Amino acid sequence: MSDTDQGESFAIEADGDDEPGGSTSLAALGRGAKAFFDWALVVVIALVVALGVRTFLLAHFVVEGSSMYSTLETGDRVFVNKVSYRLHDPNRGDVVVLHEIRGTTERDLIKRVIAVGGEEVEMRSCEVRIGGQLLIEPYLDPTVVTPGNCGGDFGPILVPEGTVFVMGDNRAGSQDSRTLGPVLLDDIVGRAFVVFWPRSNWQWL
């Protein structure tokens, strides 16, 4: 061994003819079986990781209905971060996926957080106010939410701690906290943060 070999590790592929006491075919069979089990292990690990990601970290949902139009349309696919609200409470303006609310539907809902616990919310002439201050909502489509087409006035309503007040961006076509009441934080699946399909509708939320 030369001085340059000291401290170095080499991996050299073994040839079947070098297997002591075994035939080339048996050596090849052994290598094939090992490769198969290596790949099987990789597949199993990948499936476990994917299942863990889907269960605990990330999920994707398909939008059905028009309650969030024109931000979201039927057929849009969104990724939902299921970890966000384990780290912090929802923020006003977040788009969230909710478990069914008080048995009103067997499907998850997608809405926008308008007010959080401890805030007072009301709507007058299609304008939402939080604690008496006008809420600026740049995500609303002015051709969809128009005076007289936003579901009517309500409030003021004090949002209890541990809940959020949600509404659809299509105010006249959404069943939300205006009729169902505030939503428990425990009923939130996660925060929808991007539309990833179709590509023509790709956007951050």
N, C-alpha and C. Protein backbone atom coordinates (compact mmCIF):
# COMPACT_ATOMS: atom_id res chain seq x y z
N MET A 1 0.86 -1.19 0.00
CA MET A 1 0.00 0.00 0.00
C MET A 1 0.89 1.23 0.00
N SER A 2 0.60 2.18 -0.87
CA SER A 2 1.40 3.39 -0.96
C SER A 2 0.97 4.37 0.11
N ASP A 3 1.79 5.40 0.30
CA ASP A 3 1.48 6.41 1.30
C ASP A 3 0.19 7.14 0.98
N THR A 4 -0.13 7.27 -0.32
CA THR A 4 -1.33 8.02 -0.71
C THR A 4 -2.59 7.25 -0.41
N ASP A 5 -2.49 5.93 -0.11
CA ASP A 5 -3.66 5.13 0.20
C ASP A 5 -4.07 5.22 1.66
N GLN A 6 -3.18 5.76 2.52
CA GLN A 6 -3.45 5.77 3.94
C GLN A 6 -4.68 6.64 4.24
N GLY A 7 -5.63 6.12 5.11
CA GLY A 7 -6.78 6.89 5.53
C GLY A 7 -7.88 6.97 4.51
N GLU A 8 -7.80 6.32 3.39
CA GLU A 8 -8.78 6.40 2.32
C GLU A 8 -9.59 5.12 2.28
N SER A 9 -10.89 5.23 1.99
CA SER A 9 -11.75 4.05 1.86
C SER A 9 -12.20 3.94 0.43
N PHE A 10 -12.12 2.74 -0.11
CA PHE A 10 -12.49 2.52 -1.50
C PHE A 10 -13.60 1.49 -1.58
N ALA A 11 -14.49 1.67 -2.52
CA ALA A 11 -15.55 0.69 -2.79
C ALA A 11 -15.35 0.21 -4.20
N ILE A 12 -14.98 -1.03 -4.33
CA ILE A 12 -14.70 -1.60 -5.64
C ILE A 12 -15.69 -2.71 -5.89
N GLU A 13 -16.37 -2.63 -7.03
CA GLU A 13 -17.37 -3.64 -7.34
C GLU A 13 -16.70 -4.99 -7.51
N ALA A 14 -17.21 -6.00 -6.79
CA ALA A 14 -16.63 -7.34 -6.85
C ALA A 14 -17.11 -8.05 -8.09
N ASP A 15 -16.21 -8.82 -8.71
CA ASP A 15 -16.58 -9.62 -9.87
C ASP A 15 -17.00 -11.00 -9.38
N GLY A 16 -17.95 -11.61 -10.06
CA GLY A 16 -18.47 -12.92 -9.63
C GLY A 16 -17.41 -13.98 -9.60
N ASP A 17 -16.39 -13.86 -10.47
CA ASP A 17 -15.34 -14.87 -10.50
C ASP A 17 -14.50 -14.85 -9.24
N ASP A 18 -14.60 -13.74 -8.50
CA ASP A 18 -13.78 -13.62 -7.30
C ASP A 18 -14.46 -14.20 -6.07
N GLU A 19 -15.74 -14.66 -6.20
CA GLU A 19 -16.45 -15.20 -5.05
C GLU A 19 -15.80 -16.51 -4.62
N PRO A 20 -15.30 -16.61 -3.41
CA PRO A 20 -14.65 -17.85 -2.98
C PRO A 20 -15.67 -18.96 -2.80
N GLY A 21 -15.41 -20.07 -3.45
CA GLY A 21 -16.22 -21.26 -3.25
C GLY A 21 -17.60 -21.18 -3.82
N GLY A 22 -17.93 -20.21 -4.69
CA GLY A 22 -19.28 -20.08 -5.24
C GLY A 22 -19.22 -19.87 -6.72
N SER A 23 -20.26 -20.27 -7.42
CA SER A 23 -20.31 -20.12 -8.86
C SER A 23 -20.71 -18.70 -9.21
N THR A 24 -20.46 -18.31 -10.47
CA THR A 24 -20.84 -16.98 -10.94
C THR A 24 -22.34 -16.80 -10.87
N SER A 25 -23.11 -17.84 -11.23
CA SER A 25 -24.57 -17.72 -11.24
C SER A 25 -25.12 -17.51 -9.84
N LEU A 26 -24.57 -18.23 -8.85
CA LEU A 26 -25.04 -18.06 -7.48
C LEU A 26 -24.69 -16.68 -6.95
N ALA A 27 -23.50 -16.19 -7.30
CA ALA A 27 -23.11 -14.86 -6.86
C ALA A 27 -24.03 -13.81 -7.46
N ALA A 28 -24.34 -13.97 -8.76
CA ALA A 28 -25.23 -13.01 -9.42
C ALA A 28 -26.61 -13.06 -8.80
N LEU A 29 -27.07 -14.28 -8.47
CA LEU A 29 -28.39 -14.41 -7.83
C LEU A 29 -28.40 -13.71 -6.49
N GLY A 30 -27.32 -13.87 -5.74
CA GLY A 30 -27.24 -13.22 -4.44
C GLY A 30 -27.26 -11.71 -4.57
N ARG A 31 -26.51 -11.19 -5.55
CA ARG A 31 -26.51 -9.74 -5.76
C ARG A 31 -27.88 -9.26 -6.20
N GLY A 32 -28.55 -10.04 -7.04
CA GLY A 32 -29.88 -9.66 -7.51
C GLY A 32 -30.88 -9.60 -6.37
N ALA A 33 -30.82 -10.61 -5.48
CA ALA A 33 -31.74 -10.63 -4.34
C ALA A 33 -31.47 -9.44 -3.42
N LYS A 34 -30.20 -9.14 -3.20
CA LYS A 34 -29.86 -8.00 -2.34
C LYS A 34 -30.35 -6.70 -2.95
N ALA A 35 -30.17 -6.56 -4.27
CA ALA A 35 -30.64 -5.34 -4.94
C ALA A 35 -32.16 -5.22 -4.83
N PHE A 36 -32.85 -6.37 -4.98
CA PHE A 36 -34.32 -6.35 -4.88
C PHE A 36 -34.76 -5.88 -3.49
N PHE A 37 -34.14 -6.45 -2.46
CA PHE A 37 -34.51 -6.07 -1.10
C PHE A 37 -34.13 -4.62 -0.80
N ASP A 38 -33.02 -4.16 -1.37
CA ASP A 38 -32.64 -2.76 -1.19
C ASP A 38 -33.71 -1.83 -1.78
N TRP A 39 -34.15 -2.15 -3.00
CA TRP A 39 -35.18 -1.33 -3.64
C TRP A 39 -36.51 -1.45 -2.91
N ALA A 40 -36.83 -2.65 -2.44
CA ALA A 40 -38.08 -2.82 -1.69
C ALA A 40 -38.06 -1.98 -0.42
N LEU A 41 -36.90 -1.92 0.24
CA LEU A 41 -36.77 -1.11 1.45
C LEU A 41 -36.95 0.37 1.13
N VAL A 42 -36.36 0.80 0.01
CA VAL A 42 -36.51 2.20 -0.40
C VAL A 42 -37.98 2.53 -0.65
N VAL A 43 -38.70 1.63 -1.34
CA VAL A 43 -40.12 1.85 -1.63
C VAL A 43 -40.93 1.92 -0.34
N VAL A 44 -40.66 1.00 0.58
CA VAL A 44 -41.40 0.99 1.85
C VAL A 44 -41.15 2.28 2.62
N ILE A 45 -39.89 2.70 2.69
CA ILE A 45 -39.57 3.94 3.40
C ILE A 45 -40.26 5.13 2.75
N ALA A 46 -40.25 5.16 1.40
CA ALA A 46 -40.91 6.26 0.69
C ALA A 46 -42.40 6.29 0.98
N LEU A 47 -43.03 5.11 1.02
CA LEU A 47 -44.46 5.05 1.31
C LEU A 47 -44.76 5.52 2.73
N VAL A 48 -43.92 5.10 3.67
CA VAL A 48 -44.11 5.51 5.06
C VAL A 48 -43.96 7.02 5.20
N VAL A 49 -42.94 7.57 4.54
CA VAL A 49 -42.74 9.02 4.58
C VAL A 49 -43.92 9.75 3.95
N ALA A 50 -44.38 9.25 2.79
CA ALA A 50 -45.51 9.89 2.11
C ALA A 50 -46.76 9.84 2.98
N LEU A 51 -46.98 8.70 3.63
CA LEU A 51 -48.15 8.58 4.51
C LEU A 51 -48.03 9.53 5.69
N GLY A 52 -46.83 9.63 6.25
CA GLY A 52 -46.63 10.54 7.37
C GLY A 52 -46.84 11.98 6.97
N VAL A 53 -46.33 12.35 5.79
CA VAL A 53 -46.52 13.72 5.30
C VAL A 53 -47.99 14.01 5.12
N ARG A 54 -48.72 13.07 4.50
CA ARG A 54 -50.15 13.29 4.25
C ARG A 54 -50.93 13.34 5.56
N THR A 55 -50.55 12.50 6.51
CA THR A 55 -51.30 12.43 7.76
C THR A 55 -51.02 13.62 8.66
N PHE A 56 -49.77 14.05 8.74
CA PHE A 56 -49.39 15.03 9.75
C PHE A 56 -48.95 16.38 9.19
N LEU A 57 -48.50 16.45 7.95
CA LEU A 57 -47.88 17.68 7.47
C LEU A 57 -48.65 18.37 6.36
N LEU A 58 -48.98 17.63 5.32
CA LEU A 58 -49.49 18.25 4.10
C LEU A 58 -50.58 17.39 3.50
N ALA A 59 -51.59 18.05 2.95
CA ALA A 59 -52.65 17.33 2.25
C ALA A 59 -53.08 18.17 1.06
N HIS A 60 -53.74 17.53 0.11
CA HIS A 60 -54.28 18.33 -0.98
C HIS A 60 -55.76 18.06 -1.12
N PHE A 61 -56.49 19.12 -1.46
CA PHE A 61 -57.94 19.07 -1.56
C PHE A 61 -58.37 19.60 -2.92
N VAL A 62 -59.51 19.10 -3.37
CA VAL A 62 -60.13 19.59 -4.61
C VAL A 62 -61.32 20.45 -4.23
N VAL A 63 -61.38 21.65 -4.78
CA VAL A 63 -62.45 22.59 -4.47
C VAL A 63 -63.70 22.23 -5.26
N GLU A 64 -64.83 22.22 -4.57
CA GLU A 64 -66.12 22.06 -5.21
C GLU A 64 -67.04 23.17 -4.73
N GLY A 65 -67.78 23.77 -5.64
CA GLY A 65 -68.71 24.82 -5.25
C GLY A 65 -68.16 26.21 -5.52
N SER A 66 -69.01 27.21 -5.30
CA SER A 66 -68.68 28.59 -5.68
C SER A 66 -68.58 29.54 -4.50
N SER A 67 -68.55 29.04 -3.26
CA SER A 67 -68.58 29.94 -2.11
C SER A 67 -67.30 30.77 -1.97
N MET A 68 -66.20 30.33 -2.61
CA MET A 68 -64.95 31.10 -2.55
C MET A 68 -64.62 31.75 -3.89
N TYR A 69 -65.58 31.77 -4.80
CA TYR A 69 -65.37 32.39 -6.11
C TYR A 69 -65.15 33.89 -5.93
N SER A 70 -64.24 34.55 -6.65
CA SER A 70 -63.46 34.00 -7.73
C SER A 70 -62.03 33.63 -7.31
N THR A 71 -61.77 33.66 -6.00
CA THR A 71 -60.45 33.22 -5.53
C THR A 71 -60.22 31.76 -5.86
N LEU A 72 -61.23 30.93 -5.61
CA LEU A 72 -61.16 29.50 -5.88
C LEU A 72 -62.37 29.09 -6.69
N GLU A 73 -62.15 28.17 -7.63
CA GLU A 73 -63.22 27.69 -8.48
C GLU A 73 -63.30 26.17 -8.40
N THR A 74 -64.44 25.63 -8.79
CA THR A 74 -64.61 24.18 -8.81
C THR A 74 -63.52 23.54 -9.66
N GLY A 75 -62.89 22.51 -9.11
CA GLY A 75 -61.82 21.82 -9.81
C GLY A 75 -60.43 22.28 -9.42
N ASP A 76 -60.32 23.43 -8.76
CA ASP A 76 -59.01 23.87 -8.28
C ASP A 76 -58.49 22.88 -7.24
N ARG A 77 -57.20 22.61 -7.29
CA ARG A 77 -56.56 21.74 -6.31
C ARG A 77 -55.61 22.58 -5.46
N VAL A 78 -55.75 22.44 -4.15
CA VAL A 78 -54.95 23.26 -3.23
C VAL A 78 -54.16 22.36 -2.29
N PHE A 79 -52.96 22.83 -1.94
CA PHE A 79 -52.20 22.19 -0.88
C PHE A 79 -52.55 22.85 0.45
N VAL A 80 -52.67 22.01 1.48
CA VAL A 80 -53.06 22.48 2.81
C VAL A 80 -51.97 22.11 3.81
N ASN A 81 -51.45 23.12 4.49
CA ASN A 81 -50.45 22.92 5.54
C ASN A 81 -51.16 22.55 6.83
N LYS A 82 -50.95 21.33 7.30
CA LYS A 82 -51.65 20.85 8.49
C LYS A 82 -50.89 21.14 9.79
N VAL A 83 -49.70 21.75 9.65
CA VAL A 83 -48.85 22.00 10.81
C VAL A 83 -48.98 23.44 11.30
N SER A 84 -49.33 24.36 10.40
CA SER A 84 -49.31 25.80 10.72
C SER A 84 -49.93 26.12 12.06
N TYR A 85 -51.14 25.61 12.28
CA TYR A 85 -51.88 26.04 13.47
C TYR A 85 -51.54 25.22 14.71
N ARG A 86 -50.55 24.33 14.58
CA ARG A 86 -49.95 23.74 15.77
C ARG A 86 -48.86 24.66 16.31
N LEU A 87 -48.40 25.55 15.44
CA LEU A 87 -47.32 26.47 15.81
C LEU A 87 -47.85 27.85 16.17
N HIS A 88 -48.96 28.25 15.57
CA HIS A 88 -49.53 29.56 15.86
C HIS A 88 -51.01 29.54 15.53
N ASP A 89 -51.74 30.52 16.05
CA ASP A 89 -53.17 30.61 15.77
C ASP A 89 -53.40 31.13 14.36
N PRO A 90 -54.60 30.89 13.81
CA PRO A 90 -54.92 31.43 12.48
C PRO A 90 -54.84 32.95 12.47
N ASN A 91 -54.51 33.48 11.31
CA ASN A 91 -54.46 34.92 11.12
C ASN A 91 -55.64 35.37 10.26
N ARG A 92 -56.08 36.57 10.49
CA ARG A 92 -57.13 37.14 9.66
C ARG A 92 -56.68 37.13 8.20
N GLY A 93 -57.53 36.66 7.31
CA GLY A 93 -57.21 36.59 5.89
C GLY A 93 -56.76 35.22 5.43
N ASP A 94 -56.41 34.32 6.35
CA ASP A 94 -56.01 32.97 5.97
C ASP A 94 -57.17 32.23 5.30
N VAL A 95 -56.85 31.44 4.29
CA VAL A 95 -57.82 30.51 3.70
C VAL A 95 -57.63 29.17 4.39
N VAL A 96 -58.70 28.64 4.97
CA VAL A 96 -58.58 27.44 5.79
C VAL A 96 -59.57 26.37 5.34
N VAL A 97 -59.16 25.12 5.54
CA VAL A 97 -60.05 23.98 5.33
C VAL A 97 -60.58 23.56 6.69
N LEU A 98 -61.90 23.37 6.76
CA LEU A 98 -62.57 23.07 8.01
C LEU A 98 -63.23 21.71 7.94
N HIS A 99 -63.26 21.02 9.08
CA HIS A 99 -64.12 19.85 9.18
C HIS A 99 -65.57 20.31 9.12
N GLU A 100 -66.46 19.38 8.83
CA GLU A 100 -67.88 19.73 8.78
C GLU A 100 -68.27 20.51 10.03
N ILE A 101 -69.12 21.52 9.85
CA ILE A 101 -69.51 22.38 10.95
C ILE A 101 -70.85 21.94 11.50
N ARG A 102 -70.83 21.40 12.71
CA ARG A 102 -72.06 21.04 13.42
C ARG A 102 -73.01 20.19 12.57
N GLY A 103 -72.42 19.26 11.83
CA GLY A 103 -73.24 18.30 11.09
C GLY A 103 -73.97 18.88 9.90
N THR A 104 -73.58 20.08 9.43
CA THR A 104 -74.28 20.68 8.31
C THR A 104 -73.91 20.04 6.98
N THR A 105 -72.78 19.39 6.93
CA THR A 105 -72.32 18.76 5.70
C THR A 105 -71.38 17.62 6.06
N GLU A 106 -71.29 16.64 5.18
CA GLU A 106 -70.38 15.53 5.43
C GLU A 106 -69.02 15.78 4.79
N ARG A 107 -68.87 16.93 4.13
CA ARG A 107 -67.61 17.23 3.45
C ARG A 107 -66.92 18.40 4.14
N ASP A 108 -65.59 18.43 3.99
CA ASP A 108 -64.84 19.55 4.53
C ASP A 108 -65.18 20.82 3.76
N LEU A 109 -65.06 21.95 4.43
CA LEU A 109 -65.36 23.25 3.84
C LEU A 109 -64.07 24.04 3.68
N ILE A 110 -64.08 24.99 2.76
CA ILE A 110 -62.94 25.90 2.62
C ILE A 110 -63.47 27.33 2.66
N LYS A 111 -62.94 28.12 3.59
CA LYS A 111 -63.42 29.48 3.83
C LYS A 111 -62.23 30.38 4.17
N ARG A 112 -62.54 31.66 4.38
CA ARG A 112 -61.50 32.61 4.76
C ARG A 112 -61.73 33.11 6.18
N VAL A 113 -60.65 33.21 6.95
CA VAL A 113 -60.75 33.75 8.31
C VAL A 113 -60.94 35.26 8.22
N ILE A 114 -62.03 35.73 8.82
CA ILE A 114 -62.35 37.16 8.81
C ILE A 114 -62.04 37.81 10.15
N ALA A 115 -62.27 37.09 11.23
CA ALA A 115 -61.98 37.62 12.57
C ALA A 115 -61.55 36.47 13.46
N VAL A 116 -60.73 36.79 14.45
CA VAL A 116 -60.22 35.76 15.37
C VAL A 116 -60.78 36.02 16.77
N GLY A 117 -60.49 35.08 17.66
CA GLY A 117 -61.03 35.17 19.01
C GLY A 117 -60.74 36.49 19.70
N GLY A 118 -61.78 37.05 20.33
CA GLY A 118 -61.63 38.31 21.03
C GLY A 118 -61.96 39.53 20.20
N GLU A 119 -62.15 39.36 18.88
CA GLU A 119 -62.48 40.48 18.01
C GLU A 119 -63.99 40.60 17.82
N GLU A 120 -64.43 41.81 17.55
CA GLU A 120 -65.84 42.07 17.29
C GLU A 120 -66.00 42.35 15.80
N VAL A 121 -66.88 41.60 15.15
CA VAL A 121 -67.02 41.70 13.69
C VAL A 121 -68.46 42.06 13.33
N GLU A 122 -68.59 42.85 12.29
CA GLU A 122 -69.91 43.21 11.78
C GLU A 122 -69.79 43.53 10.29
N MET A 123 -70.93 43.55 9.60
CA MET A 123 -70.94 43.94 8.20
C MET A 123 -72.10 44.88 7.95
N ARG A 124 -71.78 45.98 7.27
CA ARG A 124 -72.78 46.96 6.89
C ARG A 124 -72.56 47.33 5.43
N SER A 125 -73.60 47.18 4.62
CA SER A 125 -73.52 47.53 3.19
C SER A 125 -72.33 46.86 2.53
N CYS A 126 -72.14 45.59 2.82
CA CYS A 126 -71.08 44.75 2.24
C CYS A 126 -69.68 45.07 2.76
N GLU A 127 -69.56 45.99 3.68
CA GLU A 127 -68.26 46.32 4.25
C GLU A 127 -68.12 45.67 5.62
N VAL A 128 -67.04 44.91 5.79
CA VAL A 128 -66.76 44.24 7.06
C VAL A 128 -65.95 45.18 7.95
N ARG A 129 -66.34 45.22 9.21
CA ARG A 129 -65.60 46.03 10.18
C ARG A 129 -65.20 45.15 11.36
N ILE A 130 -63.97 45.35 11.80
CA ILE A 130 -63.43 44.64 12.96
C ILE A 130 -63.16 45.67 14.04
N GLY A 131 -63.88 45.54 15.15
CA GLY A 131 -63.73 46.54 16.21
C GLY A 131 -64.04 47.94 15.73
N GLY A 132 -64.96 48.05 14.79
CA GLY A 132 -65.35 49.35 14.26
C GLY A 132 -64.49 49.85 13.12
N GLN A 133 -63.37 49.17 12.83
CA GLN A 133 -62.46 49.59 11.77
C GLN A 133 -62.73 48.81 10.49
N LEU A 134 -62.76 49.52 9.37
CA LEU A 134 -63.01 48.89 8.08
C LEU A 134 -61.93 47.86 7.77
N LEU A 135 -62.34 46.66 7.38
CA LEU A 135 -61.40 45.61 6.99
C LEU A 135 -61.16 45.71 5.49
N ILE A 136 -59.91 45.95 5.10
CA ILE A 136 -59.55 46.01 3.69
C ILE A 136 -59.41 44.59 3.17
N GLU A 137 -60.15 44.26 2.11
CA GLU A 137 -60.18 42.89 1.59
C GLU A 137 -59.83 42.88 0.09
N PRO A 138 -58.55 42.96 -0.24
CA PRO A 138 -58.15 43.02 -1.65
C PRO A 138 -58.42 41.74 -2.42
N TYR A 139 -58.69 40.65 -1.71
CA TYR A 139 -58.93 39.37 -2.36
C TYR A 139 -60.35 39.26 -2.93
N LEU A 140 -61.25 40.16 -2.57
CA LEU A 140 -62.62 40.10 -3.07
C LEU A 140 -62.70 40.60 -4.50
N ASP A 141 -63.54 39.94 -5.30
CA ASP A 141 -63.77 40.33 -6.69
C ASP A 141 -64.92 41.34 -6.70
N PRO A 142 -64.66 42.59 -7.10
CA PRO A 142 -65.72 43.61 -7.07
C PRO A 142 -66.87 43.33 -8.03
N THR A 143 -66.66 42.41 -8.98
CA THR A 143 -67.77 42.04 -9.86
C THR A 143 -68.65 40.97 -9.23
N VAL A 144 -68.16 40.34 -8.15
CA VAL A 144 -68.92 39.30 -7.45
C VAL A 144 -69.57 39.86 -6.19
N VAL A 145 -68.79 40.58 -5.39
CA VAL A 145 -69.30 41.18 -4.16
C VAL A 145 -69.67 42.63 -4.47
N THR A 146 -70.94 42.86 -4.64
CA THR A 146 -71.44 44.19 -4.98
C THR A 146 -72.49 44.61 -3.96
N PRO A 147 -72.72 45.91 -3.81
CA PRO A 147 -73.76 46.36 -2.88
C PRO A 147 -75.09 45.68 -3.17
N GLY A 148 -75.68 45.14 -2.13
CA GLY A 148 -76.94 44.42 -2.29
C GLY A 148 -76.77 42.97 -2.68
N ASN A 149 -75.50 42.52 -2.85
CA ASN A 149 -75.26 41.13 -3.25
C ASN A 149 -74.16 40.54 -2.38
N CYS A 150 -74.35 40.65 -1.07
CA CYS A 150 -73.33 40.13 -0.17
C CYS A 150 -73.93 39.41 1.03
N GLY A 151 -75.20 39.10 0.98
CA GLY A 151 -75.80 38.28 2.02
C GLY A 151 -76.42 39.03 3.17
N GLY A 152 -76.36 40.35 3.17
CA GLY A 152 -77.03 41.11 4.21
C GLY A 152 -76.13 41.50 5.37
N ASP A 153 -76.58 42.52 6.10
CA ASP A 153 -75.81 43.01 7.25
C ASP A 153 -75.90 42.04 8.43
N PHE A 154 -74.92 42.12 9.31
CA PHE A 154 -74.97 41.34 10.56
C PHE A 154 -74.12 42.02 11.61
N GLY A 155 -74.32 41.60 12.84
CA GLY A 155 -73.47 42.01 13.94
C GLY A 155 -73.82 43.37 14.52
N PRO A 156 -72.96 43.81 15.45
CA PRO A 156 -71.66 43.23 15.79
C PRO A 156 -71.75 41.93 16.59
N ILE A 157 -70.77 41.04 16.32
CA ILE A 157 -70.66 39.75 16.98
C ILE A 157 -69.29 39.65 17.63
N LEU A 158 -69.25 39.29 18.89
CA LEU A 158 -67.97 39.07 19.58
C LEU A 158 -67.55 37.63 19.35
N VAL A 159 -66.39 37.45 18.74
CA VAL A 159 -65.89 36.10 18.43
C VAL A 159 -65.26 35.52 19.69
N PRO A 160 -65.74 34.37 20.19
CA PRO A 160 -65.18 33.78 21.41
C PRO A 160 -63.73 33.36 21.23
N GLU A 161 -62.98 33.38 22.31
CA GLU A 161 -61.61 32.85 22.28
C GLU A 161 -61.66 31.37 21.90
N GLY A 162 -60.64 30.94 21.18
CA GLY A 162 -60.60 29.54 20.75
C GLY A 162 -61.42 29.26 19.51
N THR A 163 -61.90 30.33 18.86
CA THR A 163 -62.69 30.17 17.63
C THR A 163 -62.24 31.22 16.61
N VAL A 164 -62.71 31.04 15.38
CA VAL A 164 -62.53 32.05 14.34
C VAL A 164 -63.87 32.26 13.63
N PHE A 165 -64.02 33.43 13.04
CA PHE A 165 -65.21 33.75 12.27
C PHE A 165 -64.81 33.68 10.80
N VAL A 166 -65.47 32.81 10.03
CA VAL A 166 -65.08 32.59 8.64
C VAL A 166 -66.21 32.98 7.70
N MET A 167 -65.82 33.38 6.50
CA MET A 167 -66.77 33.70 5.45
C MET A 167 -66.19 33.26 4.11
N GLY A 168 -67.07 33.05 3.14
CA GLY A 168 -66.62 32.78 1.78
C GLY A 168 -66.37 34.09 1.05
N ASP A 169 -65.49 34.06 0.06
CA ASP A 169 -65.22 35.27 -0.72
C ASP A 169 -66.41 35.65 -1.60
N ASN A 170 -67.25 34.68 -1.93
CA ASN A 170 -68.50 34.94 -2.63
C ASN A 170 -69.57 35.13 -1.56
N ARG A 171 -69.68 36.33 -1.04
CA ARG A 171 -70.46 36.59 0.15
C ARG A 171 -71.93 36.21 0.02
N ALA A 172 -72.49 36.34 -1.18
CA ALA A 172 -73.91 36.03 -1.35
C ALA A 172 -74.15 34.54 -1.56
N GLY A 173 -73.09 33.78 -1.79
CA GLY A 173 -73.25 32.36 -2.10
C GLY A 173 -72.50 31.45 -1.16
N SER A 174 -72.38 31.85 0.10
CA SER A 174 -71.59 31.07 1.05
C SER A 174 -72.35 30.83 2.33
N GLN A 175 -72.32 29.58 2.79
CA GLN A 175 -72.83 29.22 4.11
C GLN A 175 -71.64 29.20 5.05
N ASP A 176 -71.62 30.11 6.00
CA ASP A 176 -70.42 30.28 6.82
C ASP A 176 -70.80 30.74 8.23
N SER A 177 -69.88 31.42 8.90
CA SER A 177 -70.11 31.79 10.30
C SER A 177 -71.28 32.74 10.50
N ARG A 178 -71.74 33.38 9.44
CA ARG A 178 -72.89 34.27 9.57
C ARG A 178 -74.14 33.49 9.97
N THR A 179 -74.22 32.23 9.53
CA THR A 179 -75.37 31.40 9.88
C THR A 179 -75.00 30.24 10.79
N LEU A 180 -73.75 29.78 10.70
CA LEU A 180 -73.32 28.60 11.46
C LEU A 180 -72.57 28.95 12.74
N GLY A 181 -72.20 30.22 12.88
CA GLY A 181 -71.48 30.64 14.07
C GLY A 181 -69.97 30.47 13.92
N PRO A 182 -69.21 30.98 14.88
CA PRO A 182 -67.76 30.84 14.85
C PRO A 182 -67.33 29.37 14.85
N VAL A 183 -66.15 29.13 14.32
CA VAL A 183 -65.62 27.77 14.16
C VAL A 183 -64.53 27.51 15.20
N LEU A 184 -64.62 26.37 15.87
CA LEU A 184 -63.59 25.99 16.84
C LEU A 184 -62.25 25.78 16.14
N LEU A 185 -61.17 26.18 16.79
CA LEU A 185 -59.85 25.97 16.22
C LEU A 185 -59.59 24.49 15.97
N ASP A 186 -60.15 23.63 16.82
CA ASP A 186 -59.96 22.19 16.65
C ASP A 186 -60.64 21.65 15.40
N ASP A 187 -61.56 22.43 14.82
CA ASP A 187 -62.25 22.00 13.61
C ASP A 187 -61.53 22.41 12.34
N ILE A 188 -60.39 23.07 12.48
CA ILE A 188 -59.62 23.50 11.31
C ILE A 188 -58.63 22.41 10.93
N VAL A 189 -58.70 21.96 9.68
CA VAL A 189 -57.77 20.95 9.17
C VAL A 189 -56.40 21.57 8.94
N GLY A 190 -56.37 22.75 8.36
CA GLY A 190 -55.10 23.41 8.08
C GLY A 190 -55.30 24.62 7.19
N ARG A 191 -54.19 25.23 6.83
CA ARG A 191 -54.21 26.45 6.01
C ARG A 191 -53.93 26.12 4.55
N ALA A 192 -54.85 26.48 3.67
CA ALA A 192 -54.62 26.33 2.24
C ALA A 192 -53.68 27.45 1.80
N PHE A 193 -52.55 27.10 1.18
CA PHE A 193 -51.56 28.14 0.89
C PHE A 193 -51.23 28.29 -0.59
N VAL A 194 -51.67 27.35 -1.43
CA VAL A 194 -51.37 27.50 -2.86
C VAL A 194 -52.38 26.69 -3.68
N VAL A 195 -52.77 27.26 -4.81
CA VAL A 195 -53.51 26.51 -5.84
C VAL A 195 -52.45 25.97 -6.79
N PHE A 196 -52.34 24.65 -6.91
CA PHE A 196 -51.29 24.08 -7.75
C PHE A 196 -51.82 23.50 -9.05
N TRP A 197 -53.15 23.39 -9.17
CA TRP A 197 -53.73 22.85 -10.41
C TRP A 197 -55.16 23.35 -10.54
N PRO A 198 -55.59 23.70 -11.74
CA PRO A 198 -54.86 23.70 -13.01
C PRO A 198 -53.81 24.80 -13.05
N ARG A 199 -52.84 24.62 -13.94
CA ARG A 199 -51.74 25.57 -13.99
C ARG A 199 -52.22 26.99 -14.28
N SER A 200 -53.31 27.11 -15.04
CA SER A 200 -53.82 28.44 -15.38
C SER A 200 -54.33 29.19 -14.15
N ASN A 201 -54.65 28.46 -13.08
CA ASN A 201 -55.14 29.09 -11.85
C ASN A 201 -54.10 29.11 -10.73
N TRP A 202 -52.85 28.77 -11.07
CA TRP A 202 -51.81 28.70 -10.03
C TRP A 202 -51.69 30.04 -9.32
N GLN A 203 -51.70 29.98 -7.98
CA GLN A 203 -51.55 31.21 -7.20
C GLN A 203 -51.27 30.86 -5.75
N TRP A 204 -50.57 31.76 -5.08
CA TRP A 204 -50.43 31.68 -3.63
C TRP A 204 -51.70 32.22 -3.01
N LEU A 205 -52.09 31.65 -1.88
CA LEU A 205 -53.29 32.10 -1.19
C LEU A 205 -52.92 32.88 0.08
